[in-house]
């Protein structure tokens, strides 16, 4: 079965950086797309970005473009979310998600079958 385990969250000051990791296991992910989402208190879960495991193409929400970078390490079966110039509004629980890539990059959480447990990111002003 697919398992996704996030790590790397924490407390950081505005303007700082964090890198989150998502370790994936349970199957071969070459045909999968890995997404990052976040959910702030009282808000809906929102798409942050995604990466195709095969080829490494990346996609980002406008709110994080140019500040966040998604990458993957095939040997470690791990996806990363590098977050720079963090803002208080980036405070949320961050989740990684996975699903088979079907030709479309979806931003809706319902399109992803597998989820990690989430990791808290708090940005202080």
N, C-alpha and C. Protein backbone atom coordinates (compact mmCIF):
# COMPACT_ATOMS: atom_id res chain seq x y z
N UNK A 1 0.84 -1.18 0.00
CA UNK A 1 0.00 0.00 0.00
C UNK A 1 0.88 1.24 0.00
N UNK A 2 0.34 2.30 -0.56
CA UNK A 2 1.09 3.54 -0.65
C UNK A 2 1.16 4.22 0.70
N UNK A 3 2.36 4.64 1.05
CA UNK A 3 2.56 5.44 2.27
C UNK A 3 3.33 6.70 1.92
N UNK A 4 2.85 7.81 2.44
CA UNK A 4 3.51 9.09 2.26
C UNK A 4 3.77 9.67 3.65
N UNK A 5 5.01 10.04 3.91
CA UNK A 5 5.36 10.56 5.22
C UNK A 5 6.08 11.90 5.05
N UNK A 6 5.43 12.96 5.54
CA UNK A 6 6.03 14.29 5.46
C UNK A 6 6.90 14.56 6.68
N UNK A 7 7.88 15.42 6.48
CA UNK A 7 8.71 15.88 7.58
C UNK A 7 9.29 17.24 7.22
N UNK A 8 9.82 17.91 8.23
CA UNK A 8 10.51 19.17 7.97
C UNK A 8 9.78 20.43 8.38
N UNK A 9 8.56 20.29 8.86
CA UNK A 9 7.83 21.48 9.28
C UNK A 9 8.43 22.10 10.54
N UNK A 10 7.94 23.28 10.88
CA UNK A 10 8.43 23.94 12.07
C UNK A 10 8.04 25.39 12.11
N UNK A 11 8.67 26.11 13.01
CA UNK A 11 8.42 27.54 13.19
C UNK A 11 9.56 28.32 12.57
N UNK A 12 9.22 29.32 11.77
CA UNK A 12 10.23 30.13 11.10
C UNK A 12 9.74 31.57 11.06
N UNK A 13 10.66 32.49 11.06
CA UNK A 13 10.30 33.91 10.96
C UNK A 13 9.99 34.27 9.51
N UNK A 14 9.20 35.28 9.35
CA UNK A 14 8.89 35.78 8.01
C UNK A 14 10.18 36.11 7.27
N UNK A 15 10.22 35.72 6.01
CA UNK A 15 11.42 35.89 5.21
C UNK A 15 12.36 34.71 5.24
N UNK A 16 12.10 33.79 6.14
CA UNK A 16 12.95 32.62 6.26
C UNK A 16 12.59 31.52 5.28
N UNK A 17 13.27 30.39 5.44
CA UNK A 17 13.10 29.25 4.53
C UNK A 17 12.91 27.96 5.31
N UNK A 18 12.23 27.04 4.68
CA UNK A 18 12.07 25.68 5.19
C UNK A 18 12.06 24.74 4.01
N UNK A 19 12.47 23.52 4.24
CA UNK A 19 12.31 22.49 3.22
C UNK A 19 11.54 21.32 3.82
N UNK A 20 10.48 20.96 3.16
CA UNK A 20 9.67 19.81 3.57
C UNK A 20 10.03 18.62 2.69
N UNK A 21 9.94 17.44 3.30
CA UNK A 21 10.20 16.20 2.59
C UNK A 21 8.96 15.33 2.62
N UNK A 22 8.79 14.55 1.59
CA UNK A 22 7.71 13.57 1.52
C UNK A 22 8.31 12.25 1.04
N UNK A 23 8.46 11.31 1.96
CA UNK A 23 9.01 10.00 1.62
C UNK A 23 7.88 9.09 1.19
N UNK A 24 8.00 8.54 0.00
CA UNK A 24 6.94 7.70 -0.57
C UNK A 24 7.39 6.24 -0.61
N UNK A 25 6.47 5.35 -0.33
CA UNK A 25 6.78 3.93 -0.37
C UNK A 25 5.54 3.15 -0.74
N UNK A 26 5.74 1.90 -1.11
CA UNK A 26 4.61 1.03 -1.36
C UNK A 26 4.42 0.62 -2.80
N UNK A 27 5.01 1.35 -3.71
CA UNK A 27 4.92 0.97 -5.12
C UNK A 27 5.92 1.79 -5.92
N UNK A 28 5.98 1.51 -7.20
CA UNK A 28 6.80 2.30 -8.11
C UNK A 28 6.02 3.53 -8.53
N UNK A 29 6.63 4.70 -8.37
CA UNK A 29 5.90 5.93 -8.57
C UNK A 29 6.20 6.61 -9.90
N UNK A 30 6.84 5.93 -10.81
CA UNK A 30 7.25 6.57 -12.05
C UNK A 30 6.08 7.11 -12.85
N UNK A 31 4.90 6.54 -12.71
CA UNK A 31 3.73 7.01 -13.46
C UNK A 31 2.83 7.91 -12.61
N UNK A 32 3.33 8.38 -11.51
CA UNK A 32 2.54 9.17 -10.58
C UNK A 32 2.86 10.65 -10.66
N UNK A 33 1.92 11.43 -10.18
CA UNK A 33 2.14 12.84 -9.93
C UNK A 33 2.03 13.06 -8.43
N UNK A 34 2.96 13.84 -7.90
CA UNK A 34 3.00 14.11 -6.46
C UNK A 34 2.60 15.56 -6.24
N UNK A 35 1.64 15.75 -5.39
CA UNK A 35 1.17 17.10 -5.12
C UNK A 35 1.50 17.55 -3.71
N UNK A 36 1.64 18.85 -3.55
CA UNK A 36 1.73 19.47 -2.23
C UNK A 36 0.50 20.36 -2.04
N UNK A 37 -0.12 20.22 -0.88
CA UNK A 37 -1.28 21.02 -0.52
C UNK A 37 -1.04 21.61 0.86
N UNK A 38 -1.86 22.59 1.19
CA UNK A 38 -1.79 23.13 2.54
C UNK A 38 -3.19 23.52 3.00
N UNK A 39 -3.34 23.50 4.32
CA UNK A 39 -4.63 23.86 4.89
C UNK A 39 -4.42 24.68 6.14
N UNK A 40 -4.90 25.91 6.09
CA UNK A 40 -4.83 26.80 7.24
C UNK A 40 -6.11 26.63 8.07
N UNK A 41 -6.07 26.98 9.35
CA UNK A 41 -7.27 26.83 10.19
C UNK A 41 -8.46 27.57 9.61
N UNK A 42 -9.58 26.87 9.51
CA UNK A 42 -10.79 27.49 9.01
C UNK A 42 -10.86 27.65 7.51
N UNK A 43 -9.86 27.16 6.80
CA UNK A 43 -9.84 27.31 5.35
C UNK A 43 -9.82 25.95 4.67
N UNK A 44 -10.17 25.97 3.40
CA UNK A 44 -10.13 24.74 2.63
C UNK A 44 -8.70 24.38 2.27
N UNK A 45 -8.51 23.10 2.02
CA UNK A 45 -7.20 22.64 1.59
C UNK A 45 -6.93 23.19 0.19
N UNK A 46 -5.75 23.77 0.01
CA UNK A 46 -5.45 24.39 -1.27
C UNK A 46 -4.19 23.81 -1.89
N UNK A 47 -4.18 23.83 -3.20
CA UNK A 47 -3.08 23.33 -4.00
C UNK A 47 -1.90 24.28 -3.90
N UNK A 48 -0.73 23.70 -3.65
CA UNK A 48 0.51 24.48 -3.62
C UNK A 48 1.29 24.24 -4.91
N UNK A 49 1.42 22.98 -5.28
CA UNK A 49 2.14 22.65 -6.48
C UNK A 49 2.21 21.15 -6.65
N UNK A 50 2.84 20.73 -7.75
CA UNK A 50 2.94 19.30 -8.03
C UNK A 50 4.15 19.04 -8.91
N UNK A 51 4.55 17.79 -8.91
CA UNK A 51 5.65 17.36 -9.76
C UNK A 51 5.33 15.99 -10.35
N UNK A 52 5.59 15.85 -11.62
CA UNK A 52 5.47 14.55 -12.25
C UNK A 52 6.73 13.75 -11.93
N UNK A 53 6.51 12.52 -11.43
CA UNK A 53 7.69 11.76 -11.04
C UNK A 53 8.55 11.44 -12.26
N UNK A 54 7.92 11.13 -13.36
CA UNK A 54 8.66 10.88 -14.59
C UNK A 54 8.90 12.18 -15.32
N UNK A 55 10.14 12.56 -15.45
CA UNK A 55 10.48 13.78 -16.15
C UNK A 55 10.66 14.99 -15.27
N UNK A 56 9.99 15.01 -14.14
CA UNK A 56 10.18 16.08 -13.17
C UNK A 56 9.51 17.40 -13.48
N UNK A 57 8.54 17.43 -14.41
CA UNK A 57 7.83 18.69 -14.67
C UNK A 57 7.12 19.17 -13.42
N UNK A 58 7.18 20.47 -13.19
CA UNK A 58 6.59 21.04 -11.98
C UNK A 58 5.51 22.07 -12.32
N UNK A 59 4.61 22.22 -11.38
CA UNK A 59 3.46 23.10 -11.54
C UNK A 59 3.23 23.78 -10.19
N UNK A 60 2.88 25.08 -10.21
CA UNK A 60 2.75 25.83 -8.97
C UNK A 60 1.50 26.69 -8.96
N UNK A 61 0.97 26.87 -7.76
CA UNK A 61 -0.08 27.87 -7.58
C UNK A 61 0.56 29.25 -7.70
N UNK A 62 -0.22 30.20 -8.18
CA UNK A 62 0.30 31.56 -8.36
C UNK A 62 0.81 32.16 -7.05
N UNK A 63 0.19 31.79 -5.96
CA UNK A 63 0.53 32.39 -4.67
C UNK A 63 1.93 32.01 -4.18
N UNK A 64 2.49 30.94 -4.73
CA UNK A 64 3.80 30.48 -4.27
C UNK A 64 4.85 30.47 -5.36
N UNK A 65 4.41 30.73 -6.59
CA UNK A 65 5.35 30.70 -7.70
C UNK A 65 6.49 31.67 -7.43
N UNK A 66 7.70 31.28 -7.75
CA UNK A 66 8.92 32.07 -7.56
C UNK A 66 9.42 32.06 -6.11
N UNK A 67 8.62 31.54 -5.20
CA UNK A 67 9.10 31.40 -3.81
C UNK A 67 9.31 29.93 -3.42
N UNK A 68 8.48 29.05 -3.96
CA UNK A 68 8.54 27.64 -3.62
C UNK A 68 9.08 26.84 -4.80
N UNK A 69 9.81 25.78 -4.50
CA UNK A 69 10.33 24.90 -5.53
C UNK A 69 10.11 23.45 -5.13
N UNK A 70 9.58 22.67 -6.06
CA UNK A 70 9.35 21.25 -5.82
C UNK A 70 10.39 20.46 -6.61
N UNK A 71 10.96 19.46 -5.95
CA UNK A 71 11.93 18.59 -6.61
C UNK A 71 11.73 17.17 -6.10
N UNK A 72 12.42 16.23 -6.77
CA UNK A 72 12.32 14.85 -6.29
C UNK A 72 13.68 14.18 -6.42
N UNK A 73 13.85 13.17 -5.57
CA UNK A 73 15.05 12.34 -5.58
C UNK A 73 14.58 10.92 -5.87
N UNK A 74 14.81 10.46 -7.08
CA UNK A 74 14.32 9.15 -7.47
C UNK A 74 14.92 8.04 -6.61
N UNK A 75 16.19 8.16 -6.30
CA UNK A 75 16.87 7.11 -5.54
C UNK A 75 16.28 6.96 -4.14
N UNK A 76 15.84 8.10 -3.59
CA UNK A 76 15.29 8.07 -2.22
C UNK A 76 13.78 7.99 -2.21
N UNK A 77 13.15 8.01 -3.39
CA UNK A 77 11.69 8.03 -3.47
C UNK A 77 11.11 9.15 -2.61
N UNK A 78 11.72 10.30 -2.71
CA UNK A 78 11.35 11.43 -1.86
C UNK A 78 11.12 12.67 -2.70
N UNK A 79 10.07 13.40 -2.35
CA UNK A 79 9.74 14.66 -2.99
C UNK A 79 9.97 15.78 -1.96
N UNK A 80 10.45 16.91 -2.45
CA UNK A 80 10.79 18.02 -1.56
C UNK A 80 9.99 19.27 -1.93
N UNK A 81 9.73 20.07 -0.94
CA UNK A 81 9.13 21.39 -1.14
C UNK A 81 10.03 22.40 -0.46
N UNK A 82 10.80 23.11 -1.28
CA UNK A 82 11.68 24.16 -0.76
C UNK A 82 10.87 25.45 -0.72
N UNK A 83 10.77 26.04 0.45
CA UNK A 83 9.96 27.24 0.64
C UNK A 83 10.87 28.39 1.07
N UNK A 84 10.92 29.42 0.25
CA UNK A 84 11.75 30.60 0.54
C UNK A 84 10.88 31.82 0.73
N UNK A 85 11.45 32.83 1.38
CA UNK A 85 10.75 34.09 1.60
C UNK A 85 9.34 33.83 2.17
N UNK A 86 9.30 33.05 3.22
CA UNK A 86 8.02 32.66 3.80
C UNK A 86 7.30 33.86 4.40
N UNK A 87 5.98 33.81 4.30
CA UNK A 87 5.12 34.88 4.80
C UNK A 87 4.18 34.30 5.85
N UNK A 88 3.67 35.14 6.75
CA UNK A 88 2.73 34.63 7.76
C UNK A 88 1.54 33.91 7.12
N UNK A 89 1.12 34.34 5.95
CA UNK A 89 -0.02 33.68 5.31
C UNK A 89 0.31 32.31 4.74
N UNK A 90 1.58 31.91 4.80
CA UNK A 90 1.96 30.55 4.42
C UNK A 90 1.75 29.57 5.58
N UNK A 91 1.40 30.07 6.74
CA UNK A 91 1.16 29.22 7.90
C UNK A 91 0.01 28.26 7.62
N UNK A 92 0.28 26.97 7.78
CA UNK A 92 -0.71 25.93 7.47
C UNK A 92 -0.12 24.57 7.79
N UNK A 93 -0.98 23.58 7.74
CA UNK A 93 -0.50 22.19 7.72
C UNK A 93 -0.27 21.85 6.25
N UNK A 94 0.91 21.35 5.96
CA UNK A 94 1.27 21.01 4.59
C UNK A 94 1.20 19.50 4.41
N UNK A 95 0.58 19.10 3.31
CA UNK A 95 0.38 17.69 3.00
C UNK A 95 0.99 17.36 1.64
N UNK A 96 1.55 16.18 1.54
CA UNK A 96 1.85 15.67 0.20
C UNK A 96 0.80 14.65 -0.18
N UNK A 97 0.61 14.52 -1.46
CA UNK A 97 -0.42 13.64 -1.99
C UNK A 97 0.10 13.00 -3.27
N UNK A 98 -0.52 11.90 -3.66
CA UNK A 98 -0.07 11.18 -4.85
C UNK A 98 -1.26 10.59 -5.59
N UNK A 99 -1.10 10.52 -6.88
CA UNK A 99 -2.08 9.81 -7.69
C UNK A 99 -1.43 9.47 -9.02
N UNK A 100 -2.01 8.56 -9.74
CA UNK A 100 -1.51 8.22 -11.06
C UNK A 100 -1.69 9.42 -11.99
N UNK A 101 -0.68 9.69 -12.78
CA UNK A 101 -0.78 10.82 -13.71
C UNK A 101 -1.58 10.38 -14.93
N UNK A 102 -2.63 11.16 -15.24
CA UNK A 102 -3.53 10.78 -16.33
C UNK A 102 -3.45 11.73 -17.51
N UNK A 103 -2.50 12.66 -17.45
CA UNK A 103 -2.38 13.63 -18.54
C UNK A 103 -2.80 15.03 -18.14
N UNK A 104 -3.43 15.17 -16.99
CA UNK A 104 -3.88 16.47 -16.49
C UNK A 104 -3.35 16.66 -15.08
N UNK A 105 -2.89 17.86 -14.79
CA UNK A 105 -2.46 18.19 -13.44
C UNK A 105 -3.64 18.81 -12.72
N UNK A 106 -4.14 18.12 -11.73
CA UNK A 106 -5.31 18.58 -11.00
C UNK A 106 -4.90 19.34 -9.75
N UNK A 107 -5.63 20.38 -9.44
CA UNK A 107 -5.40 21.13 -8.21
C UNK A 107 -6.42 20.80 -7.13
N UNK A 108 -7.41 20.01 -7.49
CA UNK A 108 -8.43 19.66 -6.49
C UNK A 108 -7.93 18.51 -5.64
N UNK A 109 -8.04 18.64 -4.32
CA UNK A 109 -7.60 17.55 -3.43
C UNK A 109 -8.30 16.23 -3.72
N UNK A 110 -9.53 16.29 -4.17
CA UNK A 110 -10.29 15.06 -4.40
C UNK A 110 -9.71 14.21 -5.52
N UNK A 111 -8.83 14.80 -6.31
CA UNK A 111 -8.22 14.08 -7.43
C UNK A 111 -7.01 13.25 -7.02
N UNK A 112 -6.63 13.34 -5.77
CA UNK A 112 -5.46 12.61 -5.29
C UNK A 112 -5.90 11.52 -4.33
N UNK A 113 -5.45 10.30 -4.58
CA UNK A 113 -5.93 9.15 -3.83
C UNK A 113 -5.16 8.93 -2.52
N UNK A 114 -3.93 9.34 -2.49
CA UNK A 114 -3.07 9.00 -1.35
C UNK A 114 -2.56 10.28 -0.70
N UNK A 115 -2.53 10.25 0.64
CA UNK A 115 -2.16 11.44 1.41
C UNK A 115 -1.24 11.09 2.56
N UNK A 116 -0.35 12.02 2.86
CA UNK A 116 0.43 11.92 4.07
C UNK A 116 -0.34 12.48 5.25
N UNK A 117 0.30 12.47 6.40
CA UNK A 117 -0.36 12.88 7.63
C UNK A 117 -0.28 14.39 7.86
N UNK A 118 0.56 15.05 7.12
CA UNK A 118 0.70 16.50 7.23
C UNK A 118 1.80 16.91 8.19
N UNK A 119 2.34 18.09 7.95
CA UNK A 119 3.35 18.67 8.82
C UNK A 119 3.07 20.16 8.97
N UNK A 120 3.15 20.65 10.20
CA UNK A 120 2.79 22.03 10.49
C UNK A 120 3.92 22.99 10.13
N UNK A 121 3.57 24.03 9.42
CA UNK A 121 4.50 25.13 9.15
C UNK A 121 3.89 26.40 9.74
N UNK A 122 4.64 27.06 10.59
CA UNK A 122 4.18 28.30 11.21
C UNK A 122 5.20 29.40 10.91
N UNK A 123 4.71 30.48 10.33
CA UNK A 123 5.56 31.61 9.99
C UNK A 123 5.18 32.79 10.87
N UNK A 124 6.10 33.24 11.67
CA UNK A 124 5.83 34.35 12.57
C UNK A 124 6.23 35.67 11.91
N UNK A 125 5.47 36.71 12.26
CA UNK A 125 5.74 38.03 11.65
C UNK A 125 6.72 38.84 12.47
